[in-house]
């Protein structure tokens, strides 16, 4: 039973090691997603503001 517990502990340690090895890539990808989402939100708000504003050229 102790041997199986030791193997389980080694397996968990290995998986944690692999996970921590990937953290910089995960953080970079999340920051890229956040940047893209913020840009899409900004563009959609700008389009909404343009649609709400009256056209200045229509007075001619």
PDB file of N, CA and C in Angstrom:
ATOM      1  N   UNK A   1       0.815  -1.190   0.000  1.00  0.00           N
ATOM      2  CA  UNK A   1       0.000   0.000   0.000  1.00  0.00           C
ATOM      3  C   UNK A   1       0.862   1.259   0.000  1.00  0.00           C
ATOM      4  N   UNK A   2       1.966   1.231   0.730  1.00  0.00           N
ATOM      5  CA  UNK A   2       2.852   2.389   0.751  1.00  0.00           C
ATOM      6  C   UNK A   2       3.482   2.619  -0.615  1.00  0.00           C
ATOM      7  N   UNK A   3       3.772   1.532  -1.321  1.00  0.00           N
ATOM      8  CA  UNK A   3       4.379   1.659  -2.643  1.00  0.00           C
ATOM      9  C   UNK A   3       3.410   2.339  -3.615  1.00  0.00           C
ATOM     10  N   UNK A   4       2.129   1.964  -3.556  1.00  0.00           N
ATOM     11  CA  UNK A   4       1.137   2.590  -4.427  1.00  0.00           C
ATOM     12  C   UNK A   4       0.940   4.065  -4.075  1.00  0.00           C
ATOM     13  N   UNK A   5       0.987   4.379  -2.805  1.00  0.00           N
ATOM     14  CA  UNK A   5       0.884   5.778  -2.384  1.00  0.00           C
ATOM     15  C   UNK A   5       2.080   6.573  -2.886  1.00  0.00           C
ATOM     16  N   UNK A   6       3.259   5.959  -2.831  1.00  0.00           N
ATOM     17  CA  UNK A   6       4.469   6.608  -3.329  1.00  0.00           C
ATOM     18  C   UNK A   6       4.370   6.840  -4.835  1.00  0.00           C
ATOM     19  N   UNK A   7       3.856   5.858  -5.573  1.00  0.00           N
ATOM     20  CA  UNK A   7       3.691   6.021  -7.019  1.00  0.00           C
ATOM     21  C   UNK A   7       2.672   7.124  -7.332  1.00  0.00           C
ATOM     22  N   UNK A   8       1.605   7.182  -6.554  1.00  0.00           N
ATOM     23  CA  UNK A   8       0.611   8.237  -6.746  1.00  0.00           C
ATOM     24  C   UNK A   8       1.222   9.604  -6.465  1.00  0.00           C
ATOM     25  N   UNK A   9       2.033   9.693  -5.432  1.00  0.00           N
ATOM     26  CA  UNK A   9       2.708  10.942  -5.105  1.00  0.00           C
ATOM     27  C   UNK A   9       3.656  11.353  -6.221  1.00  0.00           C
ATOM     28  N   UNK A  10       4.391  10.399  -6.772  1.00  0.00           N
ATOM     29  CA  UNK A  10       5.278  10.697  -7.897  1.00  0.00           C
ATOM     30  C   UNK A  10       4.482  11.169  -9.113  1.00  0.00           C
ATOM     31  N   UNK A  11       3.352  10.536  -9.363  1.00  0.00           N
ATOM     32  CA  UNK A  11       2.507  10.944 -10.484  1.00  0.00           C
ATOM     33  C   UNK A  11       1.991  12.362 -10.321  1.00  0.00           C
ATOM     34  N   UNK A  12       1.551  12.689  -9.119  1.00  0.00           N
ATOM     35  CA  UNK A  12       1.063  14.040  -8.847  1.00  0.00           C
ATOM     36  C   UNK A  12       2.191  15.056  -8.979  1.00  0.00           C
ATOM     37  N   UNK A  13       3.371  14.720  -8.466  1.00  0.00           N
ATOM     38  CA  UNK A  13       4.515  15.622  -8.570  1.00  0.00           C
ATOM     39  C   UNK A  13       4.885  15.854 -10.036  1.00  0.00           C
ATOM     40  N   UNK A  14       4.842  14.800 -10.838  1.00  0.00           N
ATOM     41  CA  UNK A  14       5.166  14.931 -12.258  1.00  0.00           C
ATOM     42  C   UNK A  14       4.150  15.832 -12.959  1.00  0.00           C
ATOM     43  N   UNK A  15       2.871  15.625 -12.679  1.00  0.00           N
ATOM     44  CA  UNK A  15       1.844  16.451 -13.314  1.00  0.00           C
ATOM     45  C   UNK A  15       1.962  17.917 -12.897  1.00  0.00           C
ATOM     46  N   UNK A  16       2.265  18.162 -11.632  1.00  0.00           N
ATOM     47  CA  UNK A  16       2.468  19.540 -11.178  1.00  0.00           C
ATOM     48  C   UNK A  16       3.681  20.170 -11.845  1.00  0.00           C
ATOM     49  N   UNK A  17       4.737  19.387 -12.018  1.00  0.00           N
ATOM     50  CA  UNK A  17       5.937  19.879 -12.690  1.00  0.00           C
ATOM     51  C   UNK A  17       5.622  20.255 -14.132  1.00  0.00           C
ATOM     52  N   UNK A  18       4.849  19.410 -14.820  1.00  0.00           N
ATOM     53  CA  UNK A  18       4.478  19.693 -16.208  1.00  0.00           C
ATOM     54  C   UNK A  18       3.575  20.932 -16.281  1.00  0.00           C
ATOM     55  N   UNK A  19       2.686  21.075 -15.313  1.00  0.00           N
ATOM     56  CA  UNK A  19       1.788  22.224 -15.295  1.00  0.00           C
ATOM     57  C   UNK A  19       2.562  23.522 -15.079  1.00  0.00           C
ATOM     58  N   UNK A  20       3.480  23.533 -14.118  1.00  0.00           N
ATOM     59  CA  UNK A  20       4.250  24.744 -13.855  1.00  0.00           C
ATOM     60  C   UNK A  20       5.170  25.076 -15.020  1.00  0.00           C
ATOM     61  N   UNK A  21       5.538  24.080 -15.791  1.00  0.00           N
ATOM     62  CA  UNK A  21       6.360  24.312 -16.975  1.00  0.00           C
ATOM     63  C   UNK A  21       5.570  25.064 -18.043  1.00  0.00           C
ATOM     64  N   UNK A  22       4.252  24.917 -18.050  1.00  0.00           N
ATOM     65  CA  UNK A  22       3.394  25.530 -19.066  1.00  0.00           C
ATOM     66  C   UNK A  22       2.807  26.872 -18.640  1.00  0.00           C
ATOM     67  N   UNK A  23       2.993  27.270 -17.403  1.00  0.00           N
ATOM     68  CA  UNK A  23       2.345  28.483 -16.889  1.00  0.00           C
ATOM     69  C   UNK A  23       2.716  29.744 -17.680  1.00  0.00           C
ATOM     70  N   UNK A  24       3.972  29.980 -18.052  1.00  0.00           N
ATOM     71  CA  UNK A  24       4.255  31.196 -18.833  1.00  0.00           C
ATOM     72  C   UNK A  24       3.485  31.252 -20.153  1.00  0.00           C
ATOM     73  N   UNK A  25       3.363  30.132 -20.839  1.00  0.00           N
ATOM     74  CA  UNK A  25       2.607  30.108 -22.087  1.00  0.00           C
ATOM     75  C   UNK A  25       1.131  30.375 -21.840  1.00  0.00           C
ATOM     76  N   UNK A  26       0.595  29.800 -20.785  1.00  0.00           N
ATOM     77  CA  UNK A  26      -0.822  29.995 -20.463  1.00  0.00           C
ATOM     78  C   UNK A  26      -1.092  31.459 -20.125  1.00  0.00           C
ATOM     79  N   UNK A  27      -0.219  32.074 -19.355  1.00  0.00           N
ATOM     80  CA  UNK A  27      -0.398  33.475 -18.978  1.00  0.00           C
ATOM     81  C   UNK A  27      -0.327  34.366 -20.217  1.00  0.00           C
ATOM     82  N   UNK A  28       0.609  34.082 -21.115  1.00  0.00           N
ATOM     83  CA  UNK A  28       0.728  34.870 -22.340  1.00  0.00           C
ATOM     84  C   UNK A  28      -0.533  34.745 -23.185  1.00  0.00           C
ATOM     85  N   UNK A  29      -1.025  33.533 -23.346  1.00  0.00           N
ATOM     86  CA  UNK A  29      -2.233  33.329 -24.157  1.00  0.00           C
ATOM     87  C   UNK A  29      -3.444  34.003 -23.530  1.00  0.00           C
ATOM     88  N   UNK A  30      -3.555  33.944 -22.211  1.00  0.00           N
ATOM     89  CA  UNK A  30      -4.666  34.618 -21.538  1.00  0.00           C
ATOM     90  C   UNK A  30      -4.583  36.136 -21.704  1.00  0.00           C
ATOM     91  N   UNK A  31      -3.370  36.686 -21.659  1.00  0.00           N
ATOM     92  CA  UNK A  31      -3.229  38.130 -21.850  1.00  0.00           C
ATOM     93  C   UNK A  31      -3.586  38.524 -23.276  1.00  0.00           C
ATOM     94  N   UNK A  32      -3.253  37.689 -24.251  1.00  0.00           N
ATOM     95  CA  UNK A  32      -3.635  37.964 -25.635  1.00  0.00           C
ATOM     96  C   UNK A  32      -5.154  37.925 -25.795  1.00  0.00           C
ATOM     97  N   UNK A  33      -5.801  36.955 -25.177  1.00  0.00           N
ATOM     98  CA  UNK A  33      -7.263  36.862 -25.242  1.00  0.00           C
ATOM     99  C   UNK A  33      -7.896  38.082 -24.584  1.00  0.00           C
ATOM    100  N   UNK A  34      -7.340  38.505 -23.447  1.00  0.00           N
ATOM    101  CA  UNK A  34      -7.870  39.672 -22.748  1.00  0.00           C
ATOM    102  C   UNK A  34      -7.715  40.925 -23.606  1.00  0.00           C
ATOM    103  N   UNK A  35      -6.572  41.068 -24.266  1.00  0.00           N
ATOM    104  CA  UNK A  35      -6.333  42.228 -25.121  1.00  0.00           C
ATOM    105  C   UNK A  35      -7.305  42.238 -26.308  1.00  0.00           C
ATOM    106  N   UNK A  36      -7.498  41.086 -26.926  1.00  0.00           N
ATOM    107  CA  UNK A  36      -8.424  40.995 -28.057  1.00  0.00           C
ATOM    108  C   UNK A  36      -9.856  41.291 -27.625  1.00  0.00           C
ATOM    109  N   UNK A  37     -10.246  40.787 -26.470  1.00  0.00           N
ATOM    110  CA  UNK A  37     -11.591  41.037 -25.956  1.00  0.00           C
ATOM    111  C   UNK A  37     -11.793  42.518 -25.661  1.00  0.00           C
ATOM    112  N   UNK A  38     -10.803  43.162 -25.081  1.00  0.00           N
ATOM    113  CA  UNK A  38     -10.907  44.590 -24.781  1.00  0.00           C
ATOM    114  C   UNK A  38     -11.005  45.402 -26.069  1.00  0.00           C
ATOM    115  N   UNK A  39     -10.264  45.009 -27.090  1.00  0.00           N
ATOM    116  CA  UNK A  39     -10.324  45.721 -28.364  1.00  0.00           C
ATOM    117  C   UNK A  39     -11.689  45.550 -29.026  1.00  0.00           C
ATOM    118  N   UNK A  40     -12.232  44.340 -28.988  1.00  0.00           N
ATOM    119  CA  UNK A  40     -13.565  44.118 -29.556  1.00  0.00           C
ATOM    120  C   UNK A  40     -14.625  44.925 -28.812  1.00  0.00           C
ATOM    121  N   UNK A  41     -14.515  44.979 -27.503  1.00  0.00           N
ATOM    122  CA  UNK A  41     -15.460  45.757 -26.707  1.00  0.00           C
ATOM    123  C   UNK A  41     -15.348  47.242 -27.033  1.00  0.00           C
ATOM    124  N   UNK A  42     -14.121  47.721 -27.166  1.00  0.00           N
ATOM    125  CA  UNK A  42     -13.905  49.128 -27.498  1.00  0.00           C
ATOM    126  C   UNK A  42     -14.481  49.453 -28.878  1.00  0.00           C
ATOM    127  N   UNK A  43     -14.270  48.572 -29.852  1.00  0.00           N
ATOM    128  CA  UNK A  43     -14.795  48.805 -31.194  1.00  0.00           C
ATOM    129  C   UNK A  43     -16.321  48.765 -31.217  1.00  0.00           C
ATOM    130  N   UNK A  44     -16.905  47.853 -30.464  1.00  0.00           N
ATOM    131  CA  UNK A  44     -18.369  47.781 -30.444  1.00  0.00           C
ATOM    132  C   UNK A  44     -18.965  49.011 -29.765  1.00  0.00           C
ATOM    133  N   UNK A  45     -18.305  49.520 -28.729  1.00  0.00           N
ATOM    134  CA  UNK A  45     -18.788  50.744 -28.089  1.00  0.00           C
ATOM    135  C   UNK A  45     -18.640  51.935 -29.026  1.00  0.00           C
ATOM    136  N   UNK A  46     -17.544  51.982 -29.791  1.00  0.00           N
ATOM    137  CA  UNK A  46     -17.342  53.077 -30.736  1.00  0.00           C
ATOM    138  C   UNK A  46     -18.401  53.038 -31.832  1.00  0.00           C
ATOM    139  N   UNK A  47     -18.742  51.851 -32.315  1.00  0.00           N
ATOM    140  CA  UNK A  47     -19.784  51.738 -33.339  1.00  0.00           C
ATOM    141  C   UNK A  47     -21.142  52.141 -32.774  1.00  0.00           C
ATOM    142  N   UNK A  48     -21.406  51.775 -31.538  1.00  0.00           N
ATOM    143  CA  UNK A  48     -22.675  52.144 -30.909  1.00  0.00           C
ATOM    144  C   UNK A  48     -22.759  53.654 -30.731  1.00  0.00           C
ATOM    145  N   UNK A  49     -21.655  54.285 -30.362  1.00  0.00           N
ATOM    146  CA  UNK A  49     -21.641  55.736 -30.201  1.00  0.00           C
ATOM    147  C   UNK A  49     -21.803  56.429 -31.547  1.00  0.00           C
ATOM    148  N   UNK A  50     -21.208  55.886 -32.605  1.00  0.00           N
ATOM    149  CA  UNK A  50     -21.351  56.467 -33.936  1.00  0.00           C
ATOM    150  C   UNK A  50     -22.784  56.344 -34.431  1.00  0.00           C
ATOM    151  N   UNK A  51     -23.443  55.256 -34.120  1.00  0.00           N
ATOM    152  CA  UNK A  51     -24.823  55.054 -34.559  1.00  0.00           C
ATOM    153  C   UNK A  51     -25.780  55.967 -33.792  1.00  0.00           C
ATOM    154  N   UNK A  52     -25.479  56.276 -32.542  1.00  0.00           N
ATOM    155  CA  UNK A  52     -26.344  57.132 -31.732  1.00  0.00           C
ATOM    156  C   UNK A  52     -26.172  58.611 -32.070  1.00  0.00           C
ATOM    157  N   UNK A  53     -24.994  59.001 -32.557  1.00  0.00           N
ATOM    158  CA  UNK A  53     -24.720  60.404 -32.841  1.00  0.00           C
ATOM    159  C   UNK A  53     -25.418  60.811 -34.137  1.00  0.00           C
ATOM    160  N   UNK A  54     -26.002  62.011 -34.176  1.00  0.00           N
ATOM    161  CA  UNK A  54     -26.639  62.472 -35.423  1.00  0.00           C
ATOM    162  C   UNK A  54     -25.578  62.789 -36.467  1.00  0.00           C
ATOM    163  N   UNK A  55     -25.912  62.593 -37.716  1.00  0.00           N
ATOM    164  CA  UNK A  55     -24.967  62.837 -38.802  1.00  0.00           C
ATOM    165  C   UNK A  55     -24.857  64.339 -39.035  1.00  0.00           C
ATOM    166  N   UNK A  56     -23.646  64.869 -39.066  1.00  0.00           N
ATOM    167  CA  UNK A  56     -23.418  66.297 -39.258  1.00  0.00           C
ATOM    168  C   UNK A  56     -23.566  66.684 -40.723  1.00  0.00           C
ATOM    169  N   UNK A  57     -23.353  65.772 -41.647  1.00  0.00           N
ATOM    170  CA  UNK A  57     -23.415  66.075 -43.073  1.00  0.00           C
ATOM    171  C   UNK A  57     -24.845  66.139 -43.594  1.00  0.00           C
ATOM    172  N   UNK A  58     -25.821  65.690 -42.851  1.00  0.00           N
ATOM    173  CA  UNK A  58     -27.201  65.643 -43.338  1.00  0.00           C
ATOM    174  C   UNK A  58     -27.881  67.009 -43.324  1.00  0.00           C
ATOM    175  N   UNK A  59     -27.260  68.048 -42.757  1.00  0.00           N
ATOM    176  CA  UNK A  59     -27.853  69.376 -42.684  1.00  0.00           C
ATOM    177  C   UNK A  59     -27.727  70.135 -43.991  1.00  0.00           C
ATOM    178  N   UNK A  60     -26.879  69.706 -44.900  1.00  0.00           N
ATOM    179  CA  UNK A  60     -26.666  70.434 -46.162  1.00  0.00           C
ATOM    180  C   UNK A  60     -27.824  70.378 -47.071  1.00  0.00           C
TER     181      UNK A  60
END
